[in-house]
Structure formats: C-alpha cells, structure tokens
Amino acid sequence: MDINGNKNLEAINVITANASYKGKSALTVTDPGGNSEAKFLKINGLNFKNGIIEVDLAGDLAPGSKEQARGFVGIAFSINDDNSKFECIYLRPTNGRAEDQVRRNHAVQYISYPDFPWFKLRKESPEKYETYVDLVPGEWTKVKIEIKDKTARLFVHGNDQPTLIVNELLGEPKAGAIGLWIGPGTEAHFSNLVITNKSND
C-alpha cells in the first residue's frame, strides 16, 4: 500500500510528513505532545479484522523528549470509529540494547486501549504481554503482525518464529481501521506497508 499521499489517511493526535529516510520513501509520524494514547495515522476504509500487516518502521526519540520516552512505535488495529478503542502492538527501540536487563525485557509490548494500558498489564500479568527483541533506535525494523480472531502474533526482523504471541486479545474482536502508532516523545518512520485483509474468510 502506498502510504505517501494516500487519501484514506487521517492523522489522530500526530504530525505527519512525506520523507526520504535511510534510503526509503517513508512517512514520518511525530508526537506533537499531549497525554493521549491514541496517537496514530489512521488508515480508513479497510474494515480489517483478520489478516496480516507488514511494515518497515523506525522509531527514535523526538527532539526535546522526556526521559521516559523510548521511541515507541508500532501498529494499532481494530480501531473504532471515534478512536476511543483499539488494540496495539509496539516496540520500545531504546530498550533493545539497554545495559539494564529489565529494560531489555520490555522491548515489545501489547496493549488494549483504553481498558488495558501497559502499566496495568505489567502489574497484573507480568511477562505475558511484553518481551525482548534486539532493536536499534532509528534503524529500519521489519515487522509483521498476524491476526486471527482473538490471537495476534508478532514477527520481527523477518524471523519465522514469533517474538510475541497474544493468545487472547483483550478487546472486542471486531473489524476496524489500522493505524501507524507512536507513543510519547517519538519521531517515527514507516515504509513498505502491506496489508493482507482476510476479514471475510
């Protein structure tokens, strides 16, 4: 899918721009500030429930970001019409090679907004919804997410085995939009988006 100049894109609490980044035509998505977790470039008109989302992405700290920023970048799915509910799997690139092993263990995260934010899942179900993967801030990372009803599987760097498996998505398994998601204090780049929609299977 050509995400540069696509008329079905809607910026939700983010700033976007077409760019060339490290040899690829890309879409840059930046956090303008604010406390909302709903920060994404929404791709309307897909009605996506089951299928595969593939994308090259790169997340890094935005200029002036706070100490808690990690370059959060990922994919939101099952986004409802008013953006008040969605599922999301994302990376924390600055955790990937941190010297602190605990931070490394938090390199990948699943959340279900708004009822199951990361801090609630970490407290109530430690290790179940996050894990380690090798990441470098600002470098292109190949990501694939396979979604089948209530199950989501994340593949990183083209690996055959999933990095993270969510066997029971916590939100409602319903069709919705997809979003190129970022977190607080992030400047991210997205390229080579491919969506295989199997919602009618």
N, C-alpha and C. Protein backbone atom coordinates (compact mmCIF):
# COMPACT_ATOMS: atom_id res chain seq x y z
N MET A 1 0.84 -1.19 0.00
CA MET A 1 0.00 0.00 0.00
C MET A 1 0.88 1.25 0.00
N ASP A 2 0.60 2.17 -0.90
CA ASP A 2 1.34 3.42 -0.94
C ASP A 2 0.80 4.35 0.14
N ILE A 3 1.60 4.57 1.19
CA ILE A 3 1.13 5.41 2.28
C ILE A 3 1.51 6.87 2.09
N ASN A 4 2.32 7.16 1.10
CA ASN A 4 2.67 8.54 0.81
C ASN A 4 1.58 9.15 -0.07
N GLY A 5 0.85 10.11 0.46
CA GLY A 5 -0.19 10.77 -0.32
C GLY A 5 -1.50 10.01 -0.39
N ASN A 6 -1.65 8.94 0.42
CA ASN A 6 -2.88 8.16 0.42
C ASN A 6 -4.02 9.00 1.01
N LYS A 7 -5.12 9.11 0.29
CA LYS A 7 -6.23 9.96 0.72
C LYS A 7 -7.06 9.35 1.84
N ASN A 8 -6.82 8.07 2.16
CA ASN A 8 -7.56 7.42 3.24
C ASN A 8 -6.87 7.56 4.59
N LEU A 9 -5.81 8.36 4.66
CA LEU A 9 -5.07 8.52 5.91
C LEU A 9 -5.62 9.70 6.71
N GLU A 10 -5.73 9.49 8.02
CA GLU A 10 -6.23 10.52 8.92
C GLU A 10 -5.31 10.62 10.12
N ALA A 11 -4.72 11.79 10.35
CA ALA A 11 -3.81 11.99 11.47
C ALA A 11 -4.59 12.19 12.76
N ILE A 12 -4.36 11.30 13.73
CA ILE A 12 -5.02 11.38 15.03
C ILE A 12 -3.97 11.72 16.09
N ASN A 13 -3.94 12.97 16.51
CA ASN A 13 -3.01 13.44 17.55
C ASN A 13 -1.55 13.25 17.17
N VAL A 14 -1.24 13.31 15.86
CA VAL A 14 0.14 13.23 15.38
C VAL A 14 0.35 14.24 14.26
N ILE A 15 1.62 14.49 13.96
CA ILE A 15 2.01 15.30 12.81
C ILE A 15 2.68 14.38 11.79
N THR A 16 2.32 14.50 10.53
CA THR A 16 2.87 13.61 9.51
C THR A 16 3.50 14.41 8.37
N ALA A 17 4.44 13.76 7.68
CA ALA A 17 5.09 14.37 6.52
C ALA A 17 5.69 13.29 5.65
N ASN A 18 5.64 13.46 4.34
CA ASN A 18 6.35 12.57 3.43
C ASN A 18 7.84 12.85 3.52
N ALA A 19 8.66 11.80 3.46
CA ALA A 19 10.10 11.98 3.63
C ALA A 19 10.86 10.86 2.96
N SER A 20 12.14 11.06 2.80
CA SER A 20 13.08 10.00 2.43
C SER A 20 13.93 9.75 3.66
N TYR A 21 13.96 8.49 4.13
CA TYR A 21 14.68 8.18 5.37
C TYR A 21 15.52 6.93 5.18
N LYS A 22 16.81 7.09 5.29
CA LYS A 22 17.77 5.99 5.20
C LYS A 22 17.50 5.09 4.00
N GLY A 23 17.36 5.73 2.84
CA GLY A 23 17.25 5.01 1.58
C GLY A 23 15.86 4.57 1.20
N LYS A 24 14.84 4.94 1.96
CA LYS A 24 13.48 4.51 1.65
C LYS A 24 12.54 5.70 1.62
N SER A 25 11.59 5.65 0.69
CA SER A 25 10.50 6.61 0.70
C SER A 25 9.63 6.29 1.91
N ALA A 26 9.39 7.28 2.76
CA ALA A 26 8.76 6.99 4.04
C ALA A 26 7.74 8.04 4.40
N LEU A 27 6.95 7.70 5.40
CA LEU A 27 6.04 8.64 6.02
C LEU A 27 6.54 8.86 7.44
N THR A 28 6.82 10.11 7.77
CA THR A 28 7.29 10.45 9.11
C THR A 28 6.10 10.83 9.99
N VAL A 29 6.04 10.24 11.17
CA VAL A 29 4.96 10.49 12.12
C VAL A 29 5.59 10.94 13.43
N THR A 30 5.19 12.13 13.91
CA THR A 30 5.82 12.74 15.08
C THR A 30 4.78 13.08 16.13
N ASP A 31 5.17 12.90 17.39
CA ASP A 31 4.31 13.25 18.51
C ASP A 31 4.37 14.76 18.77
N PRO A 32 3.23 15.46 18.69
CA PRO A 32 3.22 16.90 18.96
C PRO A 32 3.07 17.23 20.44
N GLY A 33 2.95 16.21 21.29
CA GLY A 33 2.71 16.42 22.71
C GLY A 33 1.30 16.02 23.09
N GLY A 34 0.96 16.19 24.35
CA GLY A 34 -0.35 15.78 24.82
C GLY A 34 -0.30 14.40 25.47
N ASN A 35 -1.32 14.08 26.25
CA ASN A 35 -1.30 12.86 27.05
C ASN A 35 -2.05 11.68 26.44
N SER A 36 -2.65 11.85 25.29
CA SER A 36 -3.47 10.77 24.71
C SER A 36 -2.61 9.59 24.29
N GLU A 37 -3.14 8.37 24.53
CA GLU A 37 -2.51 7.15 23.99
C GLU A 37 -2.92 6.93 22.54
N ALA A 38 -3.96 7.62 22.11
CA ALA A 38 -4.43 7.48 20.73
C ALA A 38 -3.63 8.43 19.84
N LYS A 39 -2.44 7.99 19.45
CA LYS A 39 -1.56 8.77 18.57
C LYS A 39 -1.21 7.87 17.39
N PHE A 40 -1.86 8.09 16.27
CA PHE A 40 -1.57 7.25 15.11
C PHE A 40 -2.05 7.91 13.83
N LEU A 41 -1.51 7.41 12.75
CA LEU A 41 -2.00 7.77 11.42
C LEU A 41 -2.98 6.67 11.03
N LYS A 42 -4.24 7.02 11.00
CA LYS A 42 -5.32 6.04 10.81
C LYS A 42 -5.55 5.79 9.33
N ILE A 43 -5.63 4.51 8.97
CA ILE A 43 -5.90 4.11 7.59
C ILE A 43 -7.36 3.68 7.52
N ASN A 44 -8.18 4.54 6.98
CA ASN A 44 -9.61 4.29 6.92
C ASN A 44 -9.99 3.42 5.72
N GLY A 45 -11.18 2.85 5.78
CA GLY A 45 -11.73 2.13 4.64
C GLY A 45 -11.30 0.69 4.49
N LEU A 46 -10.61 0.12 5.49
CA LEU A 46 -10.12 -1.25 5.37
C LEU A 46 -11.07 -2.28 5.97
N ASN A 47 -11.76 -1.92 7.07
CA ASN A 47 -12.62 -2.86 7.77
C ASN A 47 -11.87 -4.15 8.08
N PHE A 48 -10.71 -4.00 8.72
CA PHE A 48 -9.78 -5.10 8.95
C PHE A 48 -10.08 -5.80 10.27
N LYS A 49 -10.19 -7.13 10.22
CA LYS A 49 -10.33 -7.94 11.43
C LYS A 49 -9.29 -9.04 11.47
N ASN A 50 -9.28 -9.89 10.44
CA ASN A 50 -8.30 -10.97 10.35
C ASN A 50 -7.38 -10.72 9.16
N GLY A 51 -6.11 -11.05 9.33
CA GLY A 51 -5.19 -10.88 8.22
C GLY A 51 -3.77 -10.63 8.69
N ILE A 52 -2.98 -10.03 7.80
CA ILE A 52 -1.56 -9.81 8.06
C ILE A 52 -1.22 -8.35 7.77
N ILE A 53 -0.48 -7.75 8.67
CA ILE A 53 0.02 -6.39 8.50
C ILE A 53 1.54 -6.45 8.50
N GLU A 54 2.16 -5.98 7.42
CA GLU A 54 3.61 -5.96 7.32
C GLU A 54 4.07 -4.53 7.06
N VAL A 55 5.16 -4.14 7.71
CA VAL A 55 5.65 -2.77 7.54
C VAL A 55 7.11 -2.69 7.98
N ASP A 56 7.85 -1.80 7.34
CA ASP A 56 9.17 -1.42 7.84
C ASP A 56 8.97 -0.15 8.67
N LEU A 57 9.51 -0.14 9.87
CA LEU A 57 9.35 1.03 10.73
C LEU A 57 10.65 1.33 11.46
N ALA A 58 10.77 2.58 11.88
CA ALA A 58 11.93 3.03 12.65
C ALA A 58 11.44 4.04 13.67
N GLY A 59 11.74 3.81 14.92
CA GLY A 59 11.32 4.73 15.97
C GLY A 59 12.51 5.26 16.74
N ASP A 60 12.47 6.53 17.10
CA ASP A 60 13.55 7.14 17.86
C ASP A 60 12.98 8.26 18.72
N LEU A 61 13.81 8.80 19.59
CA LEU A 61 13.39 9.89 20.45
C LEU A 61 13.23 11.17 19.63
N ALA A 62 12.12 11.86 19.82
CA ALA A 62 11.92 13.15 19.19
C ALA A 62 12.75 14.20 19.92
N PRO A 63 13.18 15.25 19.23
CA PRO A 63 13.92 16.31 19.91
C PRO A 63 13.16 16.86 21.10
N GLY A 64 13.85 16.99 22.24
CA GLY A 64 13.22 17.52 23.44
C GLY A 64 12.34 16.54 24.18
N SER A 65 12.41 15.26 23.85
CA SER A 65 11.57 14.26 24.52
C SER A 65 12.00 14.08 25.96
N LYS A 66 11.08 13.60 26.78
CA LYS A 66 11.34 13.40 28.20
C LYS A 66 12.14 12.12 28.44
N GLU A 67 12.65 11.98 29.65
CA GLU A 67 13.50 10.85 30.00
C GLU A 67 12.77 9.52 29.84
N GLN A 68 11.45 9.53 30.04
CA GLN A 68 10.67 8.28 29.97
C GLN A 68 10.42 7.83 28.53
N ALA A 69 10.72 8.64 27.56
CA ALA A 69 10.48 8.28 26.16
C ALA A 69 11.38 7.12 25.75
N ARG A 70 10.87 6.28 24.85
CA ARG A 70 11.61 5.10 24.40
C ARG A 70 11.61 4.95 22.88
N GLY A 71 11.06 5.94 22.16
CA GLY A 71 10.94 5.80 20.71
C GLY A 71 9.80 4.88 20.32
N PHE A 72 8.76 4.83 21.15
CA PHE A 72 7.64 3.90 20.98
C PHE A 72 7.08 3.95 19.55
N VAL A 73 6.98 2.79 18.90
CA VAL A 73 6.47 2.75 17.53
C VAL A 73 5.85 1.38 17.26
N GLY A 74 4.69 1.36 16.57
CA GLY A 74 4.06 0.09 16.29
C GLY A 74 2.82 0.22 15.43
N ILE A 75 1.94 -0.76 15.57
CA ILE A 75 0.72 -0.84 14.77
C ILE A 75 -0.49 -0.96 15.69
N ALA A 76 -1.47 -0.09 15.47
CA ALA A 76 -2.76 -0.21 16.13
C ALA A 76 -3.74 -0.87 15.16
N PHE A 77 -4.66 -1.66 15.69
CA PHE A 77 -5.66 -2.32 14.85
C PHE A 77 -6.97 -2.43 15.62
N SER A 78 -8.02 -2.80 14.91
CA SER A 78 -9.37 -2.81 15.48
C SER A 78 -9.72 -1.44 16.07
N ILE A 79 -9.31 -0.38 15.38
CA ILE A 79 -9.62 0.97 15.83
C ILE A 79 -11.09 1.26 15.52
N ASN A 80 -11.83 1.71 16.53
CA ASN A 80 -13.24 2.01 16.28
C ASN A 80 -13.40 3.39 15.64
N ASP A 81 -14.62 3.75 15.31
CA ASP A 81 -14.87 4.96 14.52
C ASP A 81 -14.42 6.24 15.21
N ASP A 82 -14.59 6.32 16.52
CA ASP A 82 -14.23 7.56 17.22
C ASP A 82 -12.86 7.49 17.90
N ASN A 83 -12.08 6.45 17.58
CA ASN A 83 -10.70 6.29 18.07
C ASN A 83 -10.61 6.09 19.58
N SER A 84 -11.70 5.69 20.21
CA SER A 84 -11.71 5.52 21.66
C SER A 84 -11.32 4.12 22.10
N LYS A 85 -11.23 3.17 21.13
CA LYS A 85 -10.83 1.80 21.45
C LYS A 85 -9.95 1.26 20.32
N PHE A 86 -8.91 0.55 20.71
CA PHE A 86 -8.07 -0.14 19.71
C PHE A 86 -7.13 -1.12 20.41
N GLU A 87 -6.62 -2.06 19.64
CA GLU A 87 -5.55 -2.96 20.07
C GLU A 87 -4.24 -2.42 19.51
N CYS A 88 -3.13 -2.74 20.15
CA CYS A 88 -1.85 -2.20 19.66
C CYS A 88 -0.70 -3.11 20.08
N ILE A 89 0.22 -3.33 19.15
CA ILE A 89 1.49 -3.99 19.44
C ILE A 89 2.59 -3.03 19.01
N TYR A 90 3.51 -2.76 19.93
CA TYR A 90 4.53 -1.77 19.60
C TYR A 90 5.90 -2.14 20.17
N LEU A 91 6.91 -1.43 19.68
CA LEU A 91 8.30 -1.63 20.09
C LEU A 91 8.76 -0.44 20.92
N ARG A 92 9.72 -0.71 21.80
CA ARG A 92 10.43 0.35 22.52
C ARG A 92 11.90 0.27 22.08
N PRO A 93 12.28 0.92 20.99
CA PRO A 93 13.60 0.73 20.41
C PRO A 93 14.78 1.03 21.34
N THR A 94 14.66 2.02 22.22
CA THR A 94 15.80 2.32 23.08
C THR A 94 16.01 1.26 24.17
N ASN A 95 15.05 0.36 24.34
CA ASN A 95 15.22 -0.73 25.30
C ASN A 95 15.98 -1.91 24.73
N GLY A 96 16.04 -2.01 23.40
CA GLY A 96 16.56 -3.22 22.76
C GLY A 96 17.99 -3.58 23.14
N ARG A 97 18.84 -2.57 23.30
CA ARG A 97 20.23 -2.84 23.66
C ARG A 97 20.63 -2.09 24.93
N ALA A 98 19.67 -1.84 25.79
CA ALA A 98 19.96 -1.20 27.07
C ALA A 98 20.85 -2.09 27.93
N GLU A 99 21.67 -1.48 28.76
CA GLU A 99 22.54 -2.24 29.66
C GLU A 99 21.76 -2.84 30.83
N ASP A 100 20.57 -2.35 31.06
CA ASP A 100 19.68 -2.86 32.11
C ASP A 100 18.85 -3.99 31.53
N GLN A 101 19.00 -5.20 32.05
CA GLN A 101 18.29 -6.35 31.51
C GLN A 101 16.78 -6.22 31.63
N VAL A 102 16.31 -5.58 32.71
CA VAL A 102 14.87 -5.40 32.87
C VAL A 102 14.32 -4.55 31.73
N ARG A 103 15.03 -3.49 31.37
CA ARG A 103 14.59 -2.67 30.24
C ARG A 103 14.58 -3.48 28.95
N ARG A 104 15.57 -4.31 28.75
CA ARG A 104 15.58 -5.16 27.55
C ARG A 104 14.34 -6.04 27.49
N ASN A 105 13.93 -6.54 28.63
CA ASN A 105 12.76 -7.43 28.68
C ASN A 105 11.47 -6.71 28.31
N HIS A 106 11.51 -5.38 28.25
CA HIS A 106 10.33 -4.58 27.92
C HIS A 106 10.47 -3.95 26.53
N ALA A 107 11.12 -4.64 25.61
CA ALA A 107 11.35 -4.08 24.27
C ALA A 107 10.11 -4.16 23.38
N VAL A 108 9.20 -5.08 23.65
CA VAL A 108 7.99 -5.29 22.86
C VAL A 108 6.79 -5.26 23.81
N GLN A 109 5.68 -4.67 23.35
CA GLN A 109 4.51 -4.53 24.23
C GLN A 109 3.21 -4.69 23.45
N TYR A 110 2.24 -5.38 24.07
CA TYR A 110 0.85 -5.39 23.60
C TYR A 110 0.01 -4.62 24.60
N ILE A 111 -0.93 -3.80 24.10
CA ILE A 111 -1.92 -3.13 24.95
C ILE A 111 -3.28 -3.20 24.28
N SER A 112 -4.32 -2.99 25.08
CA SER A 112 -5.68 -2.86 24.57
C SER A 112 -6.25 -1.58 25.17
N TYR A 113 -6.40 -0.57 24.34
CA TYR A 113 -6.81 0.76 24.80
C TYR A 113 -8.33 0.88 24.78
N PRO A 114 -8.92 1.47 25.83
CA PRO A 114 -8.31 2.12 26.99
C PRO A 114 -8.25 1.27 28.25
N ASP A 115 -8.82 0.07 28.23
CA ASP A 115 -9.01 -0.69 29.46
C ASP A 115 -7.76 -1.40 29.97
N PHE A 116 -6.81 -1.68 29.07
CA PHE A 116 -5.64 -2.45 29.47
C PHE A 116 -4.36 -1.76 29.00
N PRO A 117 -3.97 -0.66 29.67
CA PRO A 117 -2.72 0.02 29.34
C PRO A 117 -1.52 -0.80 29.80
N TRP A 118 -0.33 -0.44 29.34
CA TRP A 118 0.87 -1.24 29.61
C TRP A 118 1.12 -1.42 31.10
N PHE A 119 0.92 -0.36 31.89
CA PHE A 119 1.26 -0.46 33.31
C PHE A 119 0.33 -1.40 34.06
N LYS A 120 -0.94 -1.46 33.63
CA LYS A 120 -1.88 -2.40 34.25
C LYS A 120 -1.52 -3.83 33.88
N LEU A 121 -1.19 -4.07 32.61
CA LEU A 121 -0.83 -5.42 32.18
C LEU A 121 0.47 -5.88 32.85
N ARG A 122 1.44 -4.97 32.97
CA ARG A 122 2.70 -5.34 33.61
C ARG A 122 2.50 -5.70 35.08
N LYS A 123 1.61 -4.98 35.75
CA LYS A 123 1.36 -5.24 37.16
C LYS A 123 0.56 -6.52 37.37
N GLU A 124 -0.50 -6.71 36.55
CA GLU A 124 -1.42 -7.82 36.78
C GLU A 124 -1.01 -9.11 36.07
N SER A 125 -0.28 -8.98 34.95
CA SER A 125 0.15 -10.17 34.19
C SER A 125 1.59 -10.00 33.74
N PRO A 126 2.54 -9.94 34.68
CA PRO A 126 3.93 -9.69 34.31
C PRO A 126 4.46 -10.75 33.35
N GLU A 127 5.19 -10.29 32.32
CA GLU A 127 5.85 -11.11 31.31
C GLU A 127 4.91 -11.66 30.25
N LYS A 128 3.61 -11.55 30.43
CA LYS A 128 2.68 -12.16 29.49
C LYS A 128 2.50 -11.35 28.21
N TYR A 129 2.55 -10.03 28.33
CA TYR A 129 2.24 -9.18 27.18
C TYR A 129 3.42 -8.33 26.71
N GLU A 130 4.63 -8.66 27.15
CA GLU A 130 5.82 -7.96 26.67
C GLU A 130 7.01 -8.90 26.70
N THR A 131 8.03 -8.56 25.90
CA THR A 131 9.18 -9.45 25.81
C THR A 131 10.37 -8.71 25.19
N TYR A 132 11.45 -9.44 24.99
CA TYR A 132 12.68 -8.88 24.42
C TYR A 132 12.77 -9.14 22.92
N VAL A 133 13.34 -8.19 22.22
CA VAL A 133 13.83 -8.41 20.86
C VAL A 133 14.94 -7.39 20.62
N ASP A 134 15.91 -7.75 19.82
CA ASP A 134 17.02 -6.84 19.54
C ASP A 134 16.53 -5.69 18.66
N LEU A 135 16.75 -4.46 19.13
CA LEU A 135 16.31 -3.26 18.41
C LEU A 135 17.38 -2.20 18.48
N VAL A 136 17.42 -1.36 17.45
CA VAL A 136 18.32 -0.20 17.43
C VAL A 136 17.48 1.03 17.11
N PRO A 137 17.51 2.04 17.96
CA PRO A 137 16.72 3.25 17.70
C PRO A 137 17.08 3.88 16.36
N GLY A 138 16.05 4.29 15.63
CA GLY A 138 16.26 4.98 14.37
C GLY A 138 16.61 4.10 13.19
N GLU A 139 16.75 2.80 13.39
CA GLU A 139 17.08 1.87 12.30
C GLU A 139 15.82 1.18 11.79
N TRP A 140 15.80 0.91 10.49
CA TRP A 140 14.65 0.20 9.91
C TRP A 140 14.51 -1.18 10.55
N THR A 141 13.29 -1.51 10.92
CA THR A 141 12.96 -2.80 11.51
C THR A 141 11.76 -3.38 10.78
N LYS A 142 11.89 -4.61 10.31
CA LYS A 142 10.79 -5.27 9.60
C LYS A 142 9.85 -5.92 10.62
N VAL A 143 8.58 -5.59 10.52
CA VAL A 143 7.58 -6.08 11.47
C VAL A 143 6.42 -6.72 10.70
N LYS A 144 5.95 -7.84 11.21
CA LYS A 144 4.75 -8.49 10.65
C LYS A 144 3.85 -8.90 11.82
N ILE A 145 2.57 -8.58 11.70
CA ILE A 145 1.59 -8.98 12.70
C ILE A 145 0.52 -9.81 12.03
N GLU A 146 0.31 -11.01 12.52
CA GLU A 146 -0.75 -11.89 12.02
C GLU A 146 -1.88 -11.89 13.05
N ILE A 147 -3.09 -11.63 12.57
CA ILE A 147 -4.25 -11.57 13.47
C ILE A 147 -5.30 -12.56 12.98
N LYS A 148 -5.73 -13.41 13.89
CA LYS A 148 -6.77 -14.38 13.60
C LYS A 148 -7.74 -14.42 14.76
N ASP A 149 -8.90 -13.78 14.59
CA ASP A 149 -9.91 -13.71 15.65
C ASP A 149 -9.32 -13.09 16.92
N LYS A 150 -9.13 -13.88 17.97
CA LYS A 150 -8.63 -13.33 19.24
C LYS A 150 -7.13 -13.51 19.44
N THR A 151 -6.42 -13.96 18.41
CA THR A 151 -4.99 -14.22 18.54
C THR A 151 -4.18 -13.29 17.64
N ALA A 152 -3.09 -12.78 18.19
CA ALA A 152 -2.16 -11.95 17.40
C ALA A 152 -0.74 -12.47 17.61
N ARG A 153 0.02 -12.50 16.52
CA ARG A 153 1.39 -12.97 16.57
C ARG A 153 2.28 -11.93 15.91
N LEU A 154 3.32 -11.52 16.62
CA LEU A 154 4.27 -10.53 16.11
C LEU A 154 5.56 -11.20 15.67
N PHE A 155 5.98 -10.88 14.44
CA PHE A 155 7.25 -11.36 13.90
C PHE A 155 8.13 -10.14 13.62
N VAL A 156 9.41 -10.23 14.01
CA VAL A 156 10.32 -9.11 13.85
C VAL A 156 11.57 -9.56 13.10
N HIS A 157 12.11 -8.67 12.27
CA HIS A 157 13.34 -8.92 11.51
C HIS A 157 13.21 -10.07 10.51
N GLY A 158 12.00 -10.38 10.08
CA GLY A 158 11.82 -11.45 9.10
C GLY A 158 11.96 -12.84 9.67
N ASN A 159 11.97 -12.99 10.98
CA ASN A 159 12.11 -14.30 11.60
C ASN A 159 10.87 -15.16 11.37
N ASP A 160 11.10 -16.48 11.28
CA ASP A 160 9.99 -17.42 11.08
C ASP A 160 9.19 -17.64 12.36
N GLN A 161 9.85 -17.48 13.50
CA GLN A 161 9.18 -17.69 14.78
C GLN A 161 8.73 -16.35 15.36
N PRO A 162 7.55 -16.32 15.98
CA PRO A 162 7.06 -15.05 16.53
C PRO A 162 7.86 -14.60 17.75
N THR A 163 8.01 -13.30 17.87
CA THR A 163 8.62 -12.70 19.04
C THR A 163 7.63 -12.64 20.19
N LEU A 164 6.37 -12.38 19.87
CA LEU A 164 5.32 -12.26 20.88
C LEU A 164 4.05 -12.93 20.37
N ILE A 165 3.40 -13.68 21.25
CA ILE A 165 2.11 -14.30 20.94
C ILE A 165 1.09 -13.83 21.97
N VAL A 166 0.00 -13.26 21.49
CA VAL A 166 -1.11 -12.89 22.35
C VAL A 166 -2.26 -13.83 22.01
N ASN A 167 -2.50 -14.78 22.89
CA ASN A 167 -3.49 -15.82 22.59
C ASN A 167 -4.92 -15.38 22.86
N GLU A 168 -5.09 -14.29 23.56
CA GLU A 168 -6.44 -13.82 23.88
C GLU A 168 -6.42 -12.29 23.89
N LEU A 169 -6.69 -11.69 22.73
CA LEU A 169 -6.75 -10.24 22.67
C LEU A 169 -7.80 -9.74 23.66
N LEU A 170 -7.49 -8.67 24.35
CA LEU A 170 -8.32 -8.24 25.48
C LEU A 170 -9.48 -7.35 25.07
N GLY A 171 -9.43 -6.80 23.87
CA GLY A 171 -10.54 -6.00 23.37
C GLY A 171 -11.53 -6.85 22.60
N GLU A 172 -12.55 -6.22 22.04
CA GLU A 172 -13.53 -6.94 21.25
C GLU A 172 -12.93 -7.30 19.88
N PRO A 173 -13.06 -8.56 19.45
CA PRO A 173 -12.51 -8.96 18.15
C PRO A 173 -13.42 -8.52 17.01
N LYS A 174 -13.35 -7.25 16.68
CA LYS A 174 -14.24 -6.73 15.65
C LYS A 174 -13.43 -6.00 14.60
N ALA A 175 -14.02 -5.88 13.41
CA ALA A 175 -13.35 -5.21 12.32
C ALA A 175 -13.22 -3.72 12.60
N GLY A 176 -12.13 -3.13 12.10
CA GLY A 176 -11.91 -1.71 12.30
C GLY A 176 -10.75 -1.22 11.45
N ALA A 177 -10.31 -0.03 11.73
CA ALA A 177 -9.21 0.57 10.98
C ALA A 177 -7.87 0.13 11.54
N ILE A 178 -6.82 0.40 10.78
CA ILE A 178 -5.43 0.16 11.19
C ILE A 178 -4.76 1.51 11.35
N GLY A 179 -3.82 1.61 12.27
CA GLY A 179 -3.11 2.86 12.48
C GLY A 179 -1.61 2.66 12.63
N LEU A 180 -0.84 3.58 12.07
CA LEU A 180 0.60 3.63 12.29
C LEU A 180 0.81 4.39 13.59
N TRP A 181 1.10 3.65 14.65
CA TRP A 181 1.02 4.17 16.02
C TRP A 181 2.38 4.63 16.53
N ILE A 182 2.37 5.70 17.31
CA ILE A 182 3.56 6.13 18.04
C ILE A 182 3.16 6.47 19.47
N GLY A 183 4.17 6.54 20.33
CA GLY A 183 3.94 6.92 21.71
C GLY A 183 4.55 8.27 22.03
N PRO A 184 4.51 8.66 23.29
CA PRO A 184 5.01 9.97 23.69
C PRO A 184 6.48 10.18 23.35
N GLY A 185 6.81 11.37 22.89
CA GLY A 185 8.20 11.73 22.64
C GLY A 185 8.86 10.99 21.50
N THR A 186 8.07 10.56 20.52
CA THR A 186 8.59 9.73 19.43
C THR A 186 8.57 10.46 18.09
N GLU A 187 9.61 10.22 17.31
CA GLU A 187 9.61 10.52 15.88
C GLU A 187 9.84 9.20 15.16
N ALA A 188 8.91 8.82 14.31
CA ALA A 188 8.97 7.51 13.67
C ALA A 188 8.84 7.62 12.16
N HIS A 189 9.26 6.56 11.48
CA HIS A 189 9.18 6.50 10.02
C HIS A 189 8.58 5.15 9.64
N PHE A 190 7.72 5.16 8.64
CA PHE A 190 7.05 3.96 8.16
C PHE A 190 7.21 3.84 6.65
N SER A 191 7.42 2.62 6.18
CA SER A 191 7.57 2.38 4.74
C SER A 191 7.14 0.95 4.42
N ASN A 192 6.88 0.72 3.13
CA ASN A 192 6.60 -0.64 2.62
C ASN A 192 5.45 -1.33 3.39
N LEU A 193 4.37 -0.61 3.57
CA LEU A 193 3.21 -1.19 4.25
C LEU A 193 2.46 -2.13 3.31
N VAL A 194 2.23 -3.34 3.79
CA VAL A 194 1.46 -4.34 3.04
C VAL A 194 0.39 -4.90 3.97
N ILE A 195 -0.86 -4.82 3.55
CA ILE A 195 -1.97 -5.32 4.36
C ILE A 195 -2.69 -6.41 3.59
N THR A 196 -2.75 -7.60 4.17
CA THR A 196 -3.49 -8.71 3.59
C THR A 196 -4.74 -8.91 4.42
N ASN A 197 -5.88 -8.48 3.89
CA ASN A 197 -7.13 -8.49 4.63
C ASN A 197 -7.84 -9.81 4.42
N LYS A 198 -8.01 -10.57 5.50
CA LYS A 198 -8.72 -11.85 5.45
C LYS A 198 -9.99 -11.80 6.27
N SER A 199 -10.54 -10.61 6.42
CA SER A 199 -11.69 -10.43 7.30
C SER A 199 -12.93 -11.19 6.83
N ASN A 200 -12.98 -11.52 5.56
CA ASN A 200 -14.15 -12.23 5.04
C ASN A 200 -13.95 -13.75 5.00
N ASP A 201 -12.79 -14.22 5.51
CA ASP A 201 -12.55 -15.67 5.49
C ASP A 201 -13.46 -16.39 6.46
